[in-house]
Amino acid sequence: LAGEVGYDFHSAFITHGPIAGFVLQQAWVAS
């Protein structure tokens, strides 16, 4: 399960901003 959230600052030729997120993972391999 992965998620991101961010905020954008806008100008004439560029959009930029911070990002925060997470990645949760469980991998299982059988015997």
PDB file of all heavy atoms in Angstrom:
ATOM      1  N   LEU A   1       0.872  -1.175   0.000  1.00  0.00           N
ATOM      2  CA  LEU A   1       0.000   0.000   0.000  1.00  0.00           C
ATOM      3  C   LEU A   1       0.904   1.219   0.000  1.00  0.00           C
ATOM      4  O   LEU A   1       1.781   1.351   0.857  1.00  0.00           O
ATOM      5  CB  LEU A   1      -0.908   0.005   1.235  1.00  0.00           C
ATOM      6  CG  LEU A   1      -1.891   1.177   1.343  1.00  0.00           C
ATOM      7  CD1 LEU A   1      -2.950   1.092   0.247  1.00  0.00           C
ATOM      8  CD2 LEU A   1      -2.553   1.199   2.717  1.00  0.00           C
ATOM      9  N   ALA A   2       0.721   2.102  -0.973  1.00  0.00           N
ATOM     10  CA  ALA A   2       1.560   3.290  -1.102  1.00  0.00           C
ATOM     11  C   ALA A   2       0.692   4.522  -1.301  1.00  0.00           C
ATOM     12  O   ALA A   2      -0.349   4.461  -1.974  1.00  0.00           O
ATOM     13  CB  ALA A   2       2.531   3.138  -2.272  1.00  0.00           C
ATOM     14  N   GLY A   3       1.115   5.633  -0.734  1.00  0.00           N
ATOM     15  CA  GLY A   3       0.361   6.867  -0.874  1.00  0.00           C
ATOM     16  C   GLY A   3       1.267   8.080  -0.879  1.00  0.00           C
ATOM     17  O   GLY A   3       2.367   8.057  -0.328  1.00  0.00           O
ATOM     18  N   GLU A   4       0.811   9.143  -1.535  1.00  0.00           N
ATOM     19  CA  GLU A   4       1.539  10.406  -1.590  1.00  0.00           C
ATOM     20  C   GLU A   4       0.557  11.559  -1.468  1.00  0.00           C
ATOM     21  O   GLU A   4      -0.597  11.455  -1.885  1.00  0.00           O
ATOM     22  CB  GLU A   4       2.295  10.565  -2.918  1.00  0.00           C
ATOM     23  CG  GLU A   4       3.538   9.724  -3.077  1.00  0.00           C
ATOM     24  CD  GLU A   4       4.256  10.021  -4.377  1.00  0.00           C
ATOM     25  OE1 GLU A   4       3.579  10.412  -5.351  1.00  0.00           O
ATOM     26  OE2 GLU A   4       5.479   9.867  -4.422  1.00  0.00           O
ATOM     27  N   VAL A   5       1.033  12.666  -0.914  1.00  0.00           N
ATOM     28  CA  VAL A   5       0.280  13.910  -0.900  1.00  0.00           C
ATOM     29  C   VAL A   5       1.270  15.040  -1.141  1.00  0.00           C
ATOM     30  O   VAL A   5       2.427  14.966  -0.721  1.00  0.00           O
ATOM     31  CB  VAL A   5      -0.471  14.098   0.439  1.00  0.00           C
ATOM     32  CG1 VAL A   5       0.498  14.201   1.611  1.00  0.00           C
ATOM     33  CG2 VAL A   5      -1.382  15.311   0.378  1.00  0.00           C
ATOM     34  N   GLY A   6       0.819  16.080  -1.868  1.00  0.00           N
ATOM     35  CA  GLY A   6       1.722  17.173  -2.176  1.00  0.00           C
ATOM     36  C   GLY A   6       0.995  18.492  -2.360  1.00  0.00           C
ATOM     37  O   GLY A   6      -0.245  18.534  -2.463  1.00  0.00           O
ATOM     38  N   TYR A   7       1.762  19.566  -2.386  1.00  0.00           N
ATOM     39  CA  TYR A   7       1.234  20.919  -2.586  1.00  0.00           C
ATOM     40  C   TYR A   7       2.044  21.574  -3.697  1.00  0.00           C
ATOM     41  O   TYR A   7       3.271  21.467  -3.737  1.00  0.00           O
ATOM     42  CB  TYR A   7       1.334  21.740  -1.306  1.00  0.00           C
ATOM     43  CG  TYR A   7       0.683  23.102  -1.403  1.00  0.00           C
ATOM     44  CD1 TYR A   7      -0.669  23.265  -1.115  1.00  0.00           C
ATOM     45  CD2 TYR A   7       1.417  24.227  -1.795  1.00  0.00           C
ATOM     46  CE1 TYR A   7      -1.276  24.510  -1.208  1.00  0.00           C
ATOM     47  CE2 TYR A   7       0.814  25.467  -1.903  1.00  0.00           C
ATOM     48  CZ  TYR A   7      -0.539  25.602  -1.609  1.00  0.00           C
ATOM     49  OH  TYR A   7      -1.140  26.835  -1.711  1.00  0.00           O
ATOM     50  N   ASP A   8       1.353  22.267  -4.619  1.00  0.00           N
ATOM     51  CA  ASP A   8       1.996  22.876  -5.776  1.00  0.00           C
ATOM     52  C   ASP A   8       1.988  24.393  -5.688  1.00  0.00           C
ATOM     53  O   ASP A   8       0.951  25.007  -5.381  1.00  0.00           O
ATOM     54  CB  ASP A   8       1.289  22.456  -7.074  1.00  0.00           C
ATOM     55  CG  ASP A   8       1.579  21.020  -7.458  1.00  0.00           C
ATOM     56  OD1 ASP A   8       2.612  20.482  -7.010  1.00  0.00           O
ATOM     57  OD2 ASP A   8       0.770  20.427  -8.191  1.00  0.00           O
ATOM     58  N   PHE A   9       3.154  24.982  -5.987  1.00  0.00           N
ATOM     59  CA  PHE A   9       3.278  26.419  -6.193  1.00  0.00           C
ATOM     60  C   PHE A   9       3.391  26.642  -7.706  1.00  0.00           C
ATOM     61  O   PHE A   9       4.168  25.964  -8.380  1.00  0.00           O
ATOM     62  CB  PHE A   9       4.514  26.978  -5.485  1.00  0.00           C
ATOM     63  CG  PHE A   9       4.498  26.796  -3.996  1.00  0.00           C
ATOM     64  CD1 PHE A   9       5.156  25.710  -3.408  1.00  0.00           C
ATOM     65  CD2 PHE A   9       3.840  27.694  -3.181  1.00  0.00           C
ATOM     66  CE1 PHE A   9       5.166  25.543  -2.036  1.00  0.00           C
ATOM     67  CE2 PHE A   9       3.830  27.535  -1.789  1.00  0.00           C
ATOM     68  CZ  PHE A   9       4.489  26.454  -1.224  1.00  0.00           C
ATOM     69  N   HIS A  10       2.636  27.602  -8.221  1.00  0.00           N
ATOM     70  CA  HIS A  10       2.559  27.805  -9.665  1.00  0.00           C
ATOM     71  C   HIS A  10       3.210  29.129 -10.073  1.00  0.00           C
ATOM     72  O   HIS A  10       3.082  30.142  -9.387  1.00  0.00           O
ATOM     73  CB  HIS A  10       1.098  27.813 -10.131  1.00  0.00           C
ATOM     74  CG  HIS A  10       0.381  26.531  -9.874  1.00  0.00           C
ATOM     75  ND1 HIS A  10       0.405  25.467 -10.740  1.00  0.00           N
ATOM     76  CD2 HIS A  10      -0.389  26.139  -8.817  1.00  0.00           C
ATOM     77  CE1 HIS A  10      -0.310  24.479 -10.245  1.00  0.00           C
ATOM     78  NE2 HIS A  10      -0.807  24.861  -9.082  1.00  0.00           N
ATOM     79  N   SER A  11       3.915  29.074 -11.210  1.00  0.00           N
ATOM     80  CA  SER A  11       4.391  30.279 -11.872  1.00  0.00           C
ATOM     81  C   SER A  11       4.191  30.077 -13.371  1.00  0.00           C
ATOM     82  O   SER A  11       3.579  29.098 -13.800  1.00  0.00           O
ATOM     83  CB  SER A  11       5.857  30.553 -11.530  1.00  0.00           C
ATOM     84  OG  SER A  11       6.675  29.512 -12.009  1.00  0.00           O
ATOM     85  N   ALA A  12       4.718  30.973 -14.177  1.00  0.00           N
ATOM     86  CA  ALA A  12       4.421  30.947 -15.607  1.00  0.00           C
ATOM     87  C   ALA A  12       4.882  29.650 -16.272  1.00  0.00           C
ATOM     88  O   ALA A  12       4.164  29.059 -17.078  1.00  0.00           O
ATOM     89  CB  ALA A  12       5.072  32.154 -16.285  1.00  0.00           C
ATOM     90  N   PHE A  13       6.087  29.186 -15.941  1.00  0.00           N
ATOM     91  CA  PHE A  13       6.656  28.038 -16.655  1.00  0.00           C
ATOM     92  C   PHE A  13       6.988  26.853 -15.754  1.00  0.00           C
ATOM     93  O   PHE A  13       7.450  25.830 -16.238  1.00  0.00           O
ATOM     94  CB  PHE A  13       7.935  28.458 -17.399  1.00  0.00           C
ATOM     95  CG  PHE A  13       7.708  29.547 -18.406  1.00  0.00           C
ATOM     96  CD1 PHE A  13       8.086  30.843 -18.134  1.00  0.00           C
ATOM     97  CD2 PHE A  13       7.099  29.268 -19.621  1.00  0.00           C
ATOM     98  CE1 PHE A  13       7.872  31.859 -19.054  1.00  0.00           C
ATOM     99  CE2 PHE A  13       6.884  30.275 -20.552  1.00  0.00           C
ATOM    100  CZ  PHE A  13       7.269  31.566 -20.265  1.00  0.00           C
ATOM    101  N   ILE A  14       6.773  26.982 -14.442  1.00  0.00           N
ATOM    102  CA  ILE A  14       7.172  25.916 -13.532  1.00  0.00           C
ATOM    103  C   ILE A  14       6.136  25.735 -12.433  1.00  0.00           C
ATOM    104  O   ILE A  14       5.542  26.710 -11.957  1.00  0.00           O
ATOM    105  CB  ILE A  14       8.571  26.207 -12.924  1.00  0.00           C
ATOM    106  CG1 ILE A  14       9.006  25.063 -12.008  1.00  0.00           C
ATOM    107  CG2 ILE A  14       8.564  27.523 -12.175  1.00  0.00           C
ATOM    108  CD1 ILE A  14      10.421  25.204 -11.507  1.00  0.00           C
ATOM    109  N   THR A  15       5.892  24.487 -12.089  1.00  0.00           N
ATOM    110  CA  THR A  15       5.078  24.114 -10.935  1.00  0.00           C
ATOM    111  C   THR A  15       5.966  23.292 -10.013  1.00  0.00           C
ATOM    112  O   THR A  15       6.602  22.328 -10.453  1.00  0.00           O
ATOM    113  CB  THR A  15       3.856  23.288 -11.360  1.00  0.00           C
ATOM    114  OG1 THR A  15       3.056  24.053 -12.261  1.00  0.00           O
ATOM    115  CG2 THR A  15       3.027  22.890 -10.155  1.00  0.00           C
ATOM    116  N   HIS A  16       6.022  23.648  -8.723  1.00  0.00           N
ATOM    117  CA  HIS A  16       6.925  22.944  -7.813  1.00  0.00           C
ATOM    118  C   HIS A  16       6.313  22.889  -6.428  1.00  0.00           C
ATOM    119  O   HIS A  16       5.412  23.677  -6.097  1.00  0.00           O
ATOM    120  CB  HIS A  16       8.295  23.646  -7.767  1.00  0.00           C
ATOM    121  CG  HIS A  16       8.223  25.076  -7.300  1.00  0.00           C
ATOM    122  ND1 HIS A  16       8.453  25.451  -6.003  1.00  0.00           N
ATOM    123  CD2 HIS A  16       7.926  26.221  -7.977  1.00  0.00           C
ATOM    124  CE1 HIS A  16       8.308  26.762  -5.886  1.00  0.00           C
ATOM    125  NE2 HIS A  16       7.989  27.257  -7.076  1.00  0.00           N
ATOM    126  N   GLY A  17       6.800  21.947  -5.601  1.00  0.00           N
ATOM    127  CA  GLY A  17       6.275  21.852  -4.262  1.00  0.00           C
ATOM    128  C   GLY A  17       6.743  20.620  -3.516  1.00  0.00           C
ATOM    129  O   GLY A  17       7.363  19.717  -4.084  1.00  0.00           O
ATOM    130  N   PRO A  18       6.432  20.546  -2.206  1.00  0.00           N
ATOM    131  CA  PRO A  18       6.869  19.418  -1.365  1.00  0.00           C
ATOM    132  C   PRO A  18       5.967  18.193  -1.547  1.00  0.00           C
ATOM    133  O   PRO A  18       4.817  18.296  -1.980  1.00  0.00           O
ATOM    134  CB  PRO A  18       6.747  19.985   0.048  1.00  0.00           C
ATOM    135  CG  PRO A  18       5.625  20.985  -0.062  1.00  0.00           C
ATOM    136  CD  PRO A  18       5.738  21.592  -1.434  1.00  0.00           C
ATOM    137  N   ILE A  19       6.526  17.030  -1.182  1.00  0.00           N
ATOM    138  CA  ILE A  19       5.822  15.750  -1.247  1.00  0.00           C
ATOM    139  C   ILE A  19       6.061  15.002   0.058  1.00  0.00           C
ATOM    140  O   ILE A  19       7.166  15.016   0.606  1.00  0.00           O
ATOM    141  CB  ILE A  19       6.318  14.868  -2.414  1.00  0.00           C
ATOM    142  CG1 ILE A  19       6.286  15.622  -3.737  1.00  0.00           C
ATOM    143  CG2 ILE A  19       5.506  13.586  -2.515  1.00  0.00           C
ATOM    144  CD1 ILE A  19       6.962  14.852  -4.864  1.00  0.00           C
ATOM    145  N   ALA A  20       5.021  14.326   0.552  1.00  0.00           N
ATOM    146  CA  ALA A  20       5.143  13.405   1.682  1.00  0.00           C
ATOM    147  C   ALA A  20       4.392  12.129   1.325  1.00  0.00           C
ATOM    148  O   ALA A  20       3.355  12.180   0.655  1.00  0.00           O
ATOM    149  CB  ALA A  20       4.596  14.021   2.963  1.00  0.00           C
ATOM    150  N   GLY A  21       4.922  10.984   1.761  1.00  0.00           N
ATOM    151  CA  GLY A  21       4.256   9.734   1.415  1.00  0.00           C
ATOM    152  C   GLY A  21       4.727   8.576   2.262  1.00  0.00           C
ATOM    153  O   GLY A  21       5.501   8.731   3.213  1.00  0.00           O
ATOM    154  N   PHE A  22       4.252   7.373   1.903  1.00  0.00           N
ATOM    155  CA  PHE A  22       4.617   6.153   2.622  1.00  0.00           C
ATOM    156  C   PHE A  22       4.506   4.969   1.672  1.00  0.00           C
ATOM    157  O   PHE A  22       3.783   5.011   0.668  1.00  0.00           O
ATOM    158  CB  PHE A  22       3.691   5.938   3.827  1.00  0.00           C
ATOM    159  CG  PHE A  22       2.261   5.655   3.454  1.00  0.00           C
ATOM    160  CD1 PHE A  22       1.816   4.349   3.237  1.00  0.00           C
ATOM    161  CD2 PHE A  22       1.359   6.696   3.274  1.00  0.00           C
ATOM    162  CE1 PHE A  22       0.510   4.097   2.863  1.00  0.00           C
ATOM    163  CE2 PHE A  22       0.045   6.441   2.900  1.00  0.00           C
ATOM    164  CZ  PHE A  22      -0.382   5.143   2.698  1.00  0.00           C
ATOM    165  N   VAL A  23       5.223   3.895   1.996  1.00  0.00           N
ATOM    166  CA  VAL A  23       5.117   2.625   1.292  1.00  0.00           C
ATOM    167  C   VAL A  23       5.129   1.520   2.338  1.00  0.00           C
ATOM    168  O   VAL A  23       6.114   1.364   3.079  1.00  0.00           O
ATOM    169  CB  VAL A  23       6.273   2.400   0.292  1.00  0.00           C
ATOM    170  CG1 VAL A  23       6.083   1.057  -0.426  1.00  0.00           C
ATOM    171  CG2 VAL A  23       6.363   3.528  -0.715  1.00  0.00           C
ATOM    172  N   LEU A  24       4.036   0.752   2.425  1.00  0.00           N
ATOM    173  CA  LEU A  24       3.931  -0.395   3.330  1.00  0.00           C
ATOM    174  C   LEU A  24       3.956  -1.663   2.487  1.00  0.00           C
ATOM    175  O   LEU A  24       3.247  -1.747   1.481  1.00  0.00           O
ATOM    176  CB  LEU A  24       2.637  -0.341   4.140  1.00  0.00           C
ATOM    177  CG  LEU A  24       2.352   0.962   4.891  1.00  0.00           C
ATOM    178  CD1 LEU A  24       1.005   0.869   5.595  1.00  0.00           C
ATOM    179  CD2 LEU A  24       3.456   1.269   5.891  1.00  0.00           C
ATOM    180  N   GLN A  25       4.744  -2.657   2.894  1.00  0.00           N
ATOM    181  CA  GLN A  25       4.886  -3.861   2.085  1.00  0.00           C
ATOM    182  C   GLN A  25       5.141  -5.071   2.965  1.00  0.00           C
ATOM    183  O   GLN A  25       5.846  -4.985   3.975  1.00  0.00           O
ATOM    184  CB  GLN A  25       6.042  -3.712   1.094  1.00  0.00           C
ATOM    185  CG  GLN A  25       6.203  -4.880   0.123  1.00  0.00           C
ATOM    186  CD  GLN A  25       7.377  -4.691  -0.816  1.00  0.00           C
ATOM    187  OE1 GLN A  25       8.412  -4.162  -0.416  1.00  0.00           O
ATOM    188  NE2 GLN A  25       7.231  -5.109  -2.052  1.00  0.00           N
ATOM    189  N   GLN A  26       4.544  -6.208   2.561  1.00  0.00           N
ATOM    190  CA  GLN A  26       4.870  -7.501   3.166  1.00  0.00           C
ATOM    191  C   GLN A  26       5.066  -8.525   2.061  1.00  0.00           C
ATOM    192  O   GLN A  26       4.163  -8.782   1.271  1.00  0.00           O
ATOM    193  CB  GLN A  26       3.777  -7.996   4.106  1.00  0.00           C
ATOM    194  CG  GLN A  26       4.136  -9.314   4.782  1.00  0.00           C
ATOM    195  CD  GLN A  26       3.051  -9.853   5.679  1.00  0.00           C
ATOM    196  OE1 GLN A  26       2.089 -10.458   5.206  1.00  0.00           O
ATOM    197  NE2 GLN A  26       3.180  -9.631   6.987  1.00  0.00           N
ATOM    198  N   ALA A  27       6.276  -9.084   1.993  1.00  0.00           N
ATOM    199  CA  ALA A  27       6.597 -10.123   1.020  1.00  0.00           C
ATOM    200  C   ALA A  27       6.750 -11.443   1.761  1.00  0.00           C
ATOM    201  O   ALA A  27       7.450 -11.515   2.781  1.00  0.00           O
ATOM    202  CB  ALA A  27       7.869  -9.779   0.266  1.00  0.00           C
ATOM    203  N   TRP A  28       6.111 -12.494   1.252  1.00  0.00           N
ATOM    204  CA  TRP A  28       6.160 -13.826   1.866  1.00  0.00           C
ATOM    205  C   TRP A  28       6.603 -14.845   0.827  1.00  0.00           C
ATOM    206  O   TRP A  28       6.131 -14.814  -0.318  1.00  0.00           O
ATOM    207  CB  TRP A  28       4.779 -14.202   2.401  1.00  0.00           C
ATOM    208  CG  TRP A  28       4.656 -15.649   2.804  1.00  0.00           C
ATOM    209  CD1 TRP A  28       5.122 -16.229   3.943  1.00  0.00           C
ATOM    210  CD2 TRP A  28       4.010 -16.700   2.063  1.00  0.00           C
ATOM    211  NE1 TRP A  28       4.821 -17.572   3.962  1.00  0.00           N
ATOM    212  CE2 TRP A  28       4.136 -17.888   2.820  1.00  0.00           C
ATOM    213  CE3 TRP A  28       3.359 -16.745   0.830  1.00  0.00           C
ATOM    214  CZ2 TRP A  28       3.634 -19.106   2.378  1.00  0.00           C
ATOM    215  CZ3 TRP A  28       2.854 -17.955   0.392  1.00  0.00           C
ATOM    216  CH2 TRP A  28       2.978 -19.112   1.160  1.00  0.00           C
ATOM    217  N   VAL A  29       7.522 -15.735   1.223  1.00  0.00           N
ATOM    218  CA  VAL A  29       7.997 -16.806   0.361  1.00  0.00           C
ATOM    219  C   VAL A  29       7.806 -18.124   1.091  1.00  0.00           C
ATOM    220  O   VAL A  29       8.227 -18.270   2.255  1.00  0.00           O
ATOM    221  CB  VAL A  29       9.475 -16.624  -0.022  1.00  0.00           C
ATOM    222  CG1 VAL A  29       9.960 -17.794  -0.870  1.00  0.00           C
ATOM    223  CG2 VAL A  29       9.674 -15.309  -0.769  1.00  0.00           C
ATOM    224  N   ALA A  30       7.167 -19.095   0.446  1.00  0.00           N
ATOM    225  CA  ALA A  30       6.883 -20.384   1.062  1.00  0.00           C
ATOM    226  C   ALA A  30       8.146 -21.212   1.226  1.00  0.00           C
ATOM    227  O   ALA A  30       9.147 -21.023   0.528  1.00  0.00           O
ATOM    228  CB  ALA A  30       5.859 -21.146   0.217  1.00  0.00           C
ATOM    229  N   SER A  31       8.109 -22.157   2.167  1.00  0.00           N
ATOM    230  CA  SER A  31       9.236 -23.052   2.396  1.00  0.00           C
ATOM    231  C   SER A  31       9.472 -23.947   1.185  1.00  0.00           C
ATOM    232  O   SER A  31       8.557 -24.225   0.411  1.00  0.00           O
ATOM    233  CB  SER A  31       8.980 -23.907   3.634  1.00  0.00           C
ATOM    234  OG  SER A  31       7.810 -24.699   3.453  1.00  0.00           O
TER     235      SER A  31
END
